[in-house]
C-alpha atoms as a PDB file:
ATOM      1  CA  MET A   1      84.776  48.302 126.023  1.00  0.00           C
ATOM      2  CA  GLU A   2      81.088  49.177 126.453  1.00  0.00           C
ATOM      3  CA  ASP A   3      79.504  50.599 123.301  1.00  0.00           C
ATOM      4  CA  GLU A   4      77.851  53.390 125.287  1.00  0.00           C
ATOM      5  CA  LYS A   5      81.291  54.897 125.964  1.00  0.00           C
ATOM      6  CA  ILE A   6      82.177  55.136 122.293  1.00  0.00           C
ATOM      7  CA  LEU A   7      81.610  58.381 120.398  1.00  0.00           C
ATOM      8  CA  SER A   8      81.379  57.075 116.837  1.00  0.00           C
ATOM      9  CA  GLY A   9      82.238  59.470 114.030  1.00  0.00           C
ATOM     10  CA  LYS A  10      81.175  56.737 111.598  1.00  0.00           C
ATOM     11  CA  ILE A  11      77.601  56.844 112.889  1.00  0.00           C
ATOM     12  CA  VAL A  12      77.406  60.653 113.078  1.00  0.00           C
ATOM     13  CA  GLY A  13      79.144  61.172 109.724  1.00  0.00           C
ATOM     14  CA  LYS A  14      76.823  58.682 107.988  1.00  0.00           C
ATOM     15  CA  LYS A  15      73.742  60.474 109.365  1.00  0.00           C
ATOM     16  CA  ILE A  16      75.066  63.874 108.196  1.00  0.00           C
ATOM     17  CA  LYS A  17      75.746  62.531 104.694  1.00  0.00           C
ATOM     18  CA  GLU A  18      72.280  60.955 104.517  1.00  0.00           C
ATOM     19  CA  ASP A  19      70.682  64.305 105.457  1.00  0.00           C
ATOM     20  CA  LEU A  20      72.868  66.129 102.923  1.00  0.00           C
ATOM     21  CA  LYS A  21      71.870  63.671 100.169  1.00  0.00           C
ATOM     22  CA  ILE A  22      68.216  64.695 100.699  1.00  0.00           C
ATOM     23  CA  GLU A  23      69.200  68.393 100.471  1.00  0.00           C
ATOM     24  CA  VAL A  24      71.294  67.813  97.350  1.00  0.00           C
ATOM     25  CA  ASP A  25      68.437  65.923  95.666  1.00  0.00           C
ATOM     26  CA  LYS A  26      66.167  68.944  96.287  1.00  0.00           C
ATOM     27  CA  LEU A  27      68.810  71.313  94.860  1.00  0.00           C
ATOM     28  CA  ARG A  28      69.174  69.093  91.792  1.00  0.00           C
ATOM     29  CA  GLU A  29      65.391  69.244  91.247  1.00  0.00           C
ATOM     30  CA  ASN A  30      65.872  73.024  90.934  1.00  0.00           C
ATOM     31  CA  GLY A  31      68.730  72.611  88.475  1.00  0.00           C
ATOM     32  CA  ILE A  32      71.422  73.350  91.090  1.00  0.00           C
ATOM     33  CA  ILE A  33      74.276  70.830  91.266  1.00  0.00           C
ATOM     34  CA  PRO A  34      76.922  71.484  93.953  1.00  0.00           C
ATOM     35  CA  LYS A  35      80.471  71.090  92.659  1.00  0.00           C
ATOM     36  CA  LEU A  36      83.742  70.679  94.567  1.00  0.00           C
ATOM     37  CA  ALA A  37      87.106  71.384  92.929  1.00  0.00           C
ATOM     38  CA  VAL A  38      90.088  69.741  94.622  1.00  0.00           C
ATOM     39  CA  ILE A  39      93.659  70.824  93.865  1.00  0.00           C
ATOM     40  CA  MET A  40      96.530  68.485  94.720  1.00  0.00           C
ATOM     41  CA  VAL A  41     100.165  69.425  94.139  1.00  0.00           C
ATOM     42  CA  GLY A  42     102.697  66.586  93.885  1.00  0.00           C
ATOM     43  CA  GLU A  43     102.467  62.915  94.801  1.00  0.00           C
ATOM     44  CA  ASN A  44     102.057  62.845  98.601  1.00  0.00           C
ATOM     45  CA  PRO A  45     100.749  59.283  99.347  1.00  0.00           C
ATOM     46  CA  ALA A  46      98.635  60.355 102.365  1.00  0.00           C
ATOM     47  CA  SER A  47      97.123  63.207 100.339  1.00  0.00           C
ATOM     48  CA  LYS A  48      96.206  60.744  97.585  1.00  0.00           C
ATOM     49  CA  VAL A  49      94.249  58.658 100.107  1.00  0.00           C
ATOM     50  CA  TYR A  50      92.448  61.732 101.505  1.00  0.00           C
ATOM     51  CA  VAL A  51      91.585  62.968  98.010  1.00  0.00           C
ATOM     52  CA  LYS A  52      90.216  59.534  97.061  1.00  0.00           C
ATOM     53  CA  ASN A  53      88.012  59.538 100.182  1.00  0.00           C
ATOM     54  CA  LYS A  54      86.718  63.020  99.330  1.00  0.00           C
ATOM     55  CA  SER A  55      85.840  61.849  95.831  1.00  0.00           C
ATOM     56  CA  LYS A  56      83.950  58.880  97.299  1.00  0.00           C
ATOM     57  CA  ALA A  57      82.014  61.143  99.705  1.00  0.00           C
ATOM     58  CA  CYS A  58      80.993  63.429  96.825  1.00  0.00           C
ATOM     59  CA  LYS A  59      79.529  60.412  95.025  1.00  0.00           C
ATOM     60  CA  THR A  60      77.636  59.333  98.157  1.00  0.00           C
ATOM     61  CA  VAL A  61      76.077  62.765  98.685  1.00  0.00           C
ATOM     62  CA  GLY A  62      75.417  63.310  94.962  1.00  0.00           C
ATOM     63  CA  VAL A  63      77.635  66.328  94.310  1.00  0.00           C
ATOM     64  CA  GLU A  64      80.011  66.848  91.399  1.00  0.00           C
ATOM     65  CA  TYR A  65      83.740  66.475  91.869  1.00  0.00           C
ATOM     66  CA  GLU A  66      86.649  67.855  89.844  1.00  0.00           C
ATOM     67  CA  GLU A  67      90.275  67.004  90.546  1.00  0.00           C
ATOM     68  CA  TYR A  68      93.321  69.035  89.496  1.00  0.00           C
ATOM     69  CA  LEU A  69      96.604  67.152  89.882  1.00  0.00           C
ATOM     70  CA  LEU A  70      99.526  69.554  89.556  1.00  0.00           C
ATOM     71  CA  LYS A  71     103.207  68.729  89.161  1.00  0.00           C
ATOM     72  CA  GLU A  72     105.495  68.982  92.187  1.00  0.00           C
ATOM     73  CA  ASP A  73     107.562  71.795  90.579  1.00  0.00           C
ATOM     74  CA  ILE A  74     104.634  74.076  89.712  1.00  0.00           C
ATOM     75  CA  THR A  75     105.223  77.805  90.355  1.00  0.00           C
ATOM     76  CA  GLN A  76     103.233  79.946  92.780  1.00  0.00           C
ATOM     77  CA  LYS A  77     101.866  81.904  89.812  1.00  0.00           C
ATOM     78  CA  GLU A  78     100.624  78.751  88.075  1.00  0.00           C
ATOM     79  CA  LEU A  79      98.887  77.647  91.283  1.00  0.00           C
ATOM     80  CA  PHE A  80      97.330  81.110  91.701  1.00  0.00           C
ATOM     81  CA  ASP A  81      96.188  81.121  88.061  1.00  0.00           C
ATOM     82  CA  LEU A  82      94.301  77.871  88.624  1.00  0.00           C
ATOM     83  CA  ILE A  83      92.725  79.135  91.868  1.00  0.00           C
ATOM     84  CA  ASP A  84      91.674  82.372  90.088  1.00  0.00           C
ATOM     85  CA  LYS A  85      90.129  80.341  87.265  1.00  0.00           C
ATOM     86  CA  LEU A  86      88.104  78.277  89.756  1.00  0.00           C
ATOM     87  CA  ASN A  87      87.137  81.389  91.736  1.00  0.00           C
ATOM     88  CA  ASN A  88      85.662  82.837  88.532  1.00  0.00           C
ATOM     89  CA  ASP A  89      83.892  79.621  87.476  1.00  0.00           C
ATOM     90  CA  SER A  90      80.247  79.942  88.587  1.00  0.00           C
ATOM     91  CA  THR A  91      79.741  76.156  88.293  1.00  0.00           C
ATOM     92  CA  VAL A  92      82.347  75.569  91.042  1.00  0.00           C
ATOM     93  CA  ASN A  93      80.900  76.139  94.520  1.00  0.00           C
ATOM     94  CA  GLY A  94      83.779  74.963  96.707  1.00  0.00           C
ATOM     95  CA  ILE A  95      87.563  74.921  96.271  1.00  0.00           C
ATOM     96  CA  LEU A  96      89.883  72.779  98.342  1.00  0.00           C
ATOM     97  CA  LEU A  97      93.675  72.887  98.230  1.00  0.00           C
ATOM     98  CA  GLN A  98      94.928  69.592  99.646  1.00  0.00           C
ATOM     99  CA  SER A  99      97.707  70.209 102.151  1.00  0.00           C
ATOM    100  CA  PRO A 100     100.603  69.879 102.600  1.00  0.00           C
ATOM    101  CA  ILE A 101     101.921  71.401  99.382  1.00  0.00           C
ATOM    102  CA  PRO A 102     105.621  71.481  98.335  1.00  0.00           C
ATOM    103  CA  SER A 103     107.748  73.790 100.499  1.00  0.00           C
ATOM    104  CA  HIS A 104     108.693  76.160  97.654  1.00  0.00           C
ATOM    105  CA  LEU A 105     105.033  77.251  97.527  1.00  0.00           C
ATOM    106  CA  ASN A 106     103.457  79.542 100.134  1.00  0.00           C
ATOM    107  CA  GLN A 107     100.515  77.575 101.516  1.00  0.00           C
ATOM    108  CA  ASN A 108      99.004  80.456 103.507  1.00  0.00           C
ATOM    109  CA  LEU A 109      99.014  82.769 100.493  1.00  0.00           C
ATOM    110  CA  ALA A 110      97.340  80.017  98.467  1.00  0.00           C
ATOM    111  CA  PHE A 111      94.579  79.618 101.086  1.00  0.00           C
ATOM    112  CA  GLU A 112      94.114  83.400 101.034  1.00  0.00           C
ATOM    113  CA  ARG A 113      93.721  83.292  97.246  1.00  0.00           C
ATOM    114  CA  ILE A 114      90.594  81.124  97.498  1.00  0.00           C
ATOM    115  CA  LEU A 115      87.459  83.270  97.715  1.00  0.00           C
ATOM    116  CA  PRO A 116      86.030  83.161 101.281  1.00  0.00           C
ATOM    117  CA  GLN A 117      82.627  82.127  99.906  1.00  0.00           C
ATOM    118  CA  LYS A 118      84.214  79.102  98.178  1.00  0.00           C
ATOM    119  CA  ASP A 119      86.623  78.278 101.030  1.00  0.00           C
ATOM    120  CA  VAL A 120      84.931  75.050 102.166  1.00  0.00           C
ATOM    121  CA  ASP A 121      87.995  74.096 104.242  1.00  0.00           C
ATOM    122  CA  GLY A 122      87.600  77.219 106.385  1.00  0.00           C
ATOM    123  CA  PHE A 123      91.270  78.240 106.104  1.00  0.00           C
ATOM    124  CA  ASN A 124      90.907  81.711 104.558  1.00  0.00           C
ATOM    125  CA  ALA A 125      91.631  84.486 107.098  1.00  0.00           C
ATOM    126  CA  ILE A 126      88.153  85.971 106.518  1.00  0.00           C
ATOM    127  CA  ASN A 127      86.494  82.740 107.686  1.00  0.00           C
ATOM    128  CA  VAL A 128      88.998  82.349 110.537  1.00  0.00           C
ATOM    129  CA  GLY A 129      88.268  85.927 111.663  1.00  0.00           C
ATOM    130  CA  ASN A 130      84.516  85.456 111.465  1.00  0.00           C
ATOM    131  CA  LEU A 131      84.760  82.295 113.569  1.00  0.00           C
ATOM    132  CA  SER A 132      86.718  84.194 116.222  1.00  0.00           C
ATOM    133  CA  ILE A 133      83.986  86.830 116.612  1.00  0.00           C
ATOM    134  CA  GLY A 134      81.121  84.351 116.389  1.00  0.00           C
ATOM    135  CA  ASN A 135      79.833  85.289 112.922  1.00  0.00           C
ATOM    136  CA  ASP A 136      78.438  82.787 110.444  1.00  0.00           C
ATOM    137  CA  CYS A 137      81.305  81.326 108.386  1.00  0.00           C
ATOM    138  CA  PHE A 138      82.883  78.168 107.055  1.00  0.00           C
ATOM    139  CA  ILE A 139      84.492  76.328 109.969  1.00  0.00           C
ATOM    140  CA  SER A 140      87.591  74.175 109.522  1.00  0.00           C
ATOM    141  CA  CYS A 141      86.198  70.675 108.954  1.00  0.00           C
ATOM    142  CA  THR A 142      87.929  68.707 111.740  1.00  0.00           C
ATOM    143  CA  PRO A 143      87.009  70.953 114.698  1.00  0.00           C
ATOM    144  CA  PHE A 144      83.548  71.391 113.156  1.00  0.00           C
ATOM    145  CA  GLY A 145      83.278  67.590 113.114  1.00  0.00           C
ATOM    146  CA  VAL A 146      84.258  67.401 116.791  1.00  0.00           C
ATOM    147  CA  MET A 147      81.480  69.871 117.662  1.00  0.00           C
ATOM    148  CA  LYS A 148      78.963  67.827 115.666  1.00  0.00           C
ATOM    149  CA  ILE A 149      79.958  64.649 117.554  1.00  0.00           C
ATOM    150  CA  LEU A 150      79.440  66.429 120.883  1.00  0.00           C
ATOM    151  CA  GLU A 151      76.106  67.777 119.655  1.00  0.00           C
ATOM    152  CA  TYR A 152      74.898  64.386 118.374  1.00  0.00           C
ATOM    153  CA  TYR A 153      75.687  62.667 121.670  1.00  0.00           C
ATOM    154  CA  GLU A 154      74.128  65.562 123.627  1.00  0.00           C
ATOM    155  CA  ILE A 155      77.335  66.491 125.439  1.00  0.00           C
ATOM    156  CA  ASP A 156      76.813  70.083 126.557  1.00  0.00           C
ATOM    157  CA  VAL A 157      80.055  72.096 126.645  1.00  0.00           C
ATOM    158  CA  GLU A 158      78.613  75.211 128.271  1.00  0.00           C
ATOM    159  CA  GLY A 159      80.461  76.041 131.492  1.00  0.00           C
ATOM    160  CA  LYS A 160      82.689  72.961 131.180  1.00  0.00           C
ATOM    161  CA  ASN A 161      86.474  73.019 131.475  1.00  0.00           C
ATOM    162  CA  ALA A 162      87.763  72.098 128.014  1.00  0.00           C
ATOM    163  CA  VAL A 163      91.451  71.473 127.380  1.00  0.00           C
ATOM    164  CA  VAL A 164      92.813  71.419 123.817  1.00  0.00           C
ATOM    165  CA  LEU A 165      96.212  69.837 123.182  1.00  0.00           C
ATOM    166  CA  GLY A 166      97.706  71.494 120.100  1.00  0.00           C
ATOM    167  CA  ARG A 167      97.539  74.978 118.576  1.00  0.00           C
ATOM    168  CA  SER A 168      97.678  74.348 114.820  1.00  0.00           C
ATOM    169  CA  ASN A 169      95.811  76.666 112.478  1.00  0.00           C
ATOM    170  CA  ILE A 170      93.919  73.691 111.045  1.00  0.00           C
ATOM    171  CA  VAL A 171      92.655  72.077 114.271  1.00  0.00           C
ATOM    172  CA  GLY A 172      93.848  73.537 117.588  1.00  0.00           C
ATOM    173  CA  LYS A 173      93.058  77.239 117.156  1.00  0.00           C
ATOM    174  CA  PRO A 174      89.658  76.846 115.445  1.00  0.00           C
ATOM    175  CA  MET A 175      88.785  74.150 118.009  1.00  0.00           C
ATOM    176  CA  VAL A 176      89.336  76.701 120.786  1.00  0.00           C
ATOM    177  CA  GLN A 177      87.066  79.213 119.032  1.00  0.00           C
ATOM    178  CA  CYS A 178      84.316  76.627 118.477  1.00  0.00           C
ATOM    179  CA  LEU A 179      84.343  75.733 122.184  1.00  0.00           C
ATOM    180  CA  LEU A 180      84.428  79.385 123.288  1.00  0.00           C
ATOM    181  CA  ASN A 181      81.487  80.142 121.005  1.00  0.00           C
ATOM    182  CA  LYS A 182      79.538  77.457 122.917  1.00  0.00           C
ATOM    183  CA  ASN A 183      80.509  78.988 126.292  1.00  0.00           C
ATOM    184  CA  ALA A 184      83.132  76.464 127.412  1.00  0.00           C
ATOM    185  CA  THR A 185      86.082  77.571 129.543  1.00  0.00           C
ATOM    186  CA  VAL A 186      89.068  76.710 127.359  1.00  0.00           C
ATOM    187  CA  THR A 187      92.760  76.063 128.074  1.00  0.00           C
ATOM    188  CA  VAL A 188      95.282  75.370 125.303  1.00  0.00           C
ATOM    189  CA  CYS A 189      98.380  73.241 125.844  1.00  0.00           C
ATOM    190  CA  HIS A 190     101.294  73.077 123.405  1.00  0.00           C
ATOM    191  CA  SER A 191     104.965  72.126 123.184  1.00  0.00           C
ATOM    192  CA  ARG A 192     106.027  74.943 125.532  1.00  0.00           C
ATOM    193  CA  THR A 193     103.355  74.306 128.180  1.00  0.00           C
ATOM    194  CA  LYS A 194     104.599  73.379 131.640  1.00  0.00           C
ATOM    195  CA  ASN A 195     102.749  70.932 133.923  1.00  0.00           C
ATOM    196  CA  ILE A 196     100.583  69.548 131.130  1.00  0.00           C
ATOM    197  CA  LYS A 197      99.382  66.643 133.281  1.00  0.00           C
ATOM    198  CA  GLU A 198      97.982  68.997 135.947  1.00  0.00           C
ATOM    199  CA  ILE A 199      96.109  70.947 133.283  1.00  0.00           C
ATOM    200  CA  THR A 200      94.677  67.909 131.469  1.00  0.00           C
ATOM    201  CA  LYS A 201      93.541  66.440 134.811  1.00  0.00           C
ATOM    202  CA  SER A 202      91.252  69.473 135.227  1.00  0.00           C
ATOM    203  CA  ALA A 203      89.455  68.862 131.918  1.00  0.00           C
ATOM    204  CA  ASP A 204      85.810  67.860 131.702  1.00  0.00           C
ATOM    205  CA  ILE A 205      86.407  67.649 127.946  1.00  0.00           C
ATOM    206  CA  LEU A 206      89.893  66.797 126.680  1.00  0.00           C
ATOM    207  CA  ILE A 207      90.675  67.157 122.968  1.00  0.00           C
ATOM    208  CA  SER A 208      94.056  66.027 121.672  1.00  0.00           C
ATOM    209  CA  ALA A 209      95.402  67.173 118.284  1.00  0.00           C
ATOM    210  CA  ILE A 210      99.185  67.004 118.575  1.00  0.00           C
ATOM    211  CA  GLY A 211     100.164  64.013 116.413  1.00  0.00           C
ATOM    212  CA  LYS A 212     102.035  62.032 119.090  1.00  0.00           C
ATOM    213  CA  PRO A 213     101.099  58.340 119.345  1.00  0.00           C
ATOM    214  CA  LYS A 214      99.468  57.405 122.680  1.00  0.00           C
ATOM    215  CA  PHE A 215     100.665  60.641 124.298  1.00  0.00           C
ATOM    216  CA  VAL A 216      97.594  60.942 126.543  1.00  0.00           C
ATOM    217  CA  THR A 217      97.725  58.300 129.248  1.00  0.00           C
ATOM    218  CA  LYS A 218      95.316  57.279 132.010  1.00  0.00           C
ATOM    219  CA  ASP A 219      97.084  59.362 134.679  1.00  0.00           C
ATOM    220  CA  MET A 220      96.494  62.544 132.618  1.00  0.00           C
ATOM    221  CA  VAL A 221      92.710  62.173 132.523  1.00  0.00           C
ATOM    222  CA  LYS A 222      90.111  63.046 135.138  1.00  0.00           C
ATOM    223  CA  GLU A 223      87.643  60.306 136.069  1.00  0.00           C
ATOM    224  CA  GLY A 224      84.506  60.755 133.965  1.00  0.00           C
ATOM    225  CA  ALA A 225      86.032  63.138 131.411  1.00  0.00           C
ATOM    226  CA  VAL A 226      84.984  63.153 127.744  1.00  0.00           C
ATOM    227  CA  VAL A 227      88.051  62.455 125.579  1.00  0.00           C
ATOM    228  CA  ILE A 228      88.215  63.369 121.887  1.00  0.00           C
ATOM    229  CA  ASP A 229      91.201  62.018 119.950  1.00  0.00           C
ATOM    230  CA  VAL A 230      91.943  63.942 116.746  1.00  0.00           C
ATOM    231  CA  GLY A 231      95.354  62.315 116.184  1.00  0.00           C
ATOM    232  CA  ILE A 232      96.021  59.820 113.402  1.00  0.00           C
ATOM    233  CA  ASN A 233      99.475  58.292 113.757  1.00  0.00           C
ATOM    234  CA  ARG A 234     100.982  55.372 111.844  1.00  0.00           C
ATOM    235  CA  LEU A 235     103.102  53.026 113.960  1.00  0.00           C
ATOM    236  CA  GLU A 236     106.125  51.035 112.761  1.00  0.00           C
ATOM    237  CA  ASP A 237     103.937  47.954 112.215  1.00  0.00           C
ATOM    238  CA  SER A 238     101.719  50.128 109.942  1.00  0.00           C
ATOM    239  CA  LYS A 239      98.852  50.094 112.439  1.00  0.00           C
ATOM    240  CA  ILE A 240      97.046  53.375 113.057  1.00  0.00           C
ATOM    241  CA  CYS A 241      96.592  54.840 116.506  1.00  0.00           C
ATOM    242  CA  GLY A 242      95.586  58.178 117.967  1.00  0.00           C
ATOM    243  CA  ASP A 243      97.180  60.628 120.401  1.00  0.00           C
ATOM    244  CA  VAL A 244      95.343  58.863 123.224  1.00  0.00           C
ATOM    245  CA  ASP A 245      96.239  55.480 124.725  1.00  0.00           C
ATOM    246  CA  PHE A 246      92.733  54.175 124.087  1.00  0.00           C
ATOM    247  CA  GLU A 247      92.925  50.963 126.165  1.00  0.00           C
ATOM    248  CA  GLU A 248      94.158  52.816 129.233  1.00  0.00           C
ATOM    249  CA  VAL A 249      92.168  56.026 128.974  1.00  0.00           C
ATOM    250  CA  SER A 250      88.853  54.310 128.206  1.00  0.00           C
ATOM    251  CA  GLN A 251      89.009  52.876 131.762  1.00  0.00           C
ATOM    252  CA  VAL A 252      88.566  56.378 133.259  1.00  0.00           C
ATOM    253  CA  ALA A 253      86.802  58.388 130.520  1.00  0.00           C
ATOM    254  CA  SER A 254      83.007  58.554 130.488  1.00  0.00           C
ATOM    255  CA  ARG A 255      82.981  58.906 126.678  1.00  0.00           C
ATOM    256  CA  ILE A 256      85.814  58.510 124.164  1.00  0.00           C
ATOM    257  CA  THR A 257      86.384  58.579 120.395  1.00  0.00           C
ATOM    258  CA  PRO A 258      88.220  55.610 118.848  1.00  0.00           C
ATOM    259  CA  VAL A 259      90.946  55.823 116.194  1.00  0.00           C
ATOM    260  CA  PRO A 260      90.098  54.943 113.509  1.00  0.00           C
ATOM    261  CA  GLY A 261      86.343  55.546 113.354  1.00  0.00           C
ATOM    262  CA  GLY A 262      86.135  58.621 115.582  1.00  0.00           C
ATOM    263  CA  VAL A 263      86.913  62.131 114.362  1.00  0.00           C
ATOM    264  CA  GLY A 264      88.375  60.991 111.003  1.00  0.00           C
ATOM    265  CA  PRO A 265      85.083  60.248 109.190  1.00  0.00           C
ATOM    266  CA  MET A 266      83.638  63.546 110.448  1.00  0.00           C
ATOM    267  CA  THR A 267      86.198  65.697 108.622  1.00  0.00           C
ATOM    268  CA  ILE A 268      84.957  64.623 105.195  1.00  0.00           C
ATOM    269  CA  SER A 269      81.276  64.760 106.252  1.00  0.00           C
ATOM    270  CA  MET A 270      81.746  68.377 107.356  1.00  0.00           C
ATOM    271  CA  LEU A 271      83.488  69.188 104.066  1.00  0.00           C
ATOM    272  CA  MET A 272      80.335  67.980 102.308  1.00  0.00           C
ATOM    273  CA  PHE A 273      78.243  70.060 104.740  1.00  0.00           C
ATOM    274  CA  ASN A 274      80.306  73.174 103.957  1.00  0.00           C
ATOM    275  CA  LEU A 275      80.041  72.539 100.208  1.00  0.00           C
ATOM    276  CA  VAL A 276      76.242  72.289 100.306  1.00  0.00           C
ATOM    277  CA  LYS A 277      76.095  75.427 102.473  1.00  0.00           C
ATOM    278  CA  ALA A 278      78.380  77.292 100.011  1.00  0.00           C
ATOM    279  CA  THR A 279      76.180  76.221  97.092  1.00  0.00           C
ATOM    280  CA  LYS A 280      73.005  77.427  98.800  1.00  0.00           C
ATOM    281  CA  ASN A 281      74.688  80.728  99.728  1.00  0.00           C
ATOM    282  CA  GLN A 282      75.779  81.289  96.119  1.00  0.00           C
ATOM    283  CA  LYS A 283      72.698  80.030  94.270  1.00  0.00           C
ATOM    284  CA  LEU A 284      69.779  80.842  96.553  1.00  0.00           C
ATOM    285  CA  LEU A 285      70.521  84.483  97.364  1.00  0.00           C
END
């Protein structure tokens, strides 16, 4: 696999964090210290790993980090009370509710409870709406990370046929808006789409975010396409793979993200980016 084909989120994410560290140092000189508050409900093992990685990134960039670990059986009111407390705390610049949360709690209502100006995950409907009409806002970190990879490697999306596999609120839908805002022609495929292979074959840029191991195969990809794999799937042997059959698809793609080391590292880098932006918005008005 030639290195020039690889779109490395590790490289791009590291550069973004290095740039943010310089910004944070300047803010600190002015007595401004960005702070992220992370709320985790229950003992989800994957969530624990993600939260640990977020804590590590905060240390790297030089921002403060507060963690709130809530019991699995917490009530909606108790969760809301904590979010309200953090909303009203002027030392907290960004609030993140680690998903998923237990099913007895309403996740969407909880996201709505976080003030839009502290919603560094970009899940509040105000930020989602602003993204859809092209206004400045906080963009959901994973699709934002995909756009930053494309930007770093100078892959212009304007006028290109982009196909997004998946329509989740966290990745698929905001991904579509990000691409539209950069003048791509966008098609969305999902579980009810017919003739998926014909549609993916038309893509200059193919982005998969459906959570199915090695779903995208060589015969679904146009020669020379750029392929972005957002999927992170754990196989029976505990190995991690993406939605794309990397070995096969890399034979026809012009550029491709690996898993791990592709989009994954970008999600946390963009969270740090959003936090620093939120801090500047709140403190430098």
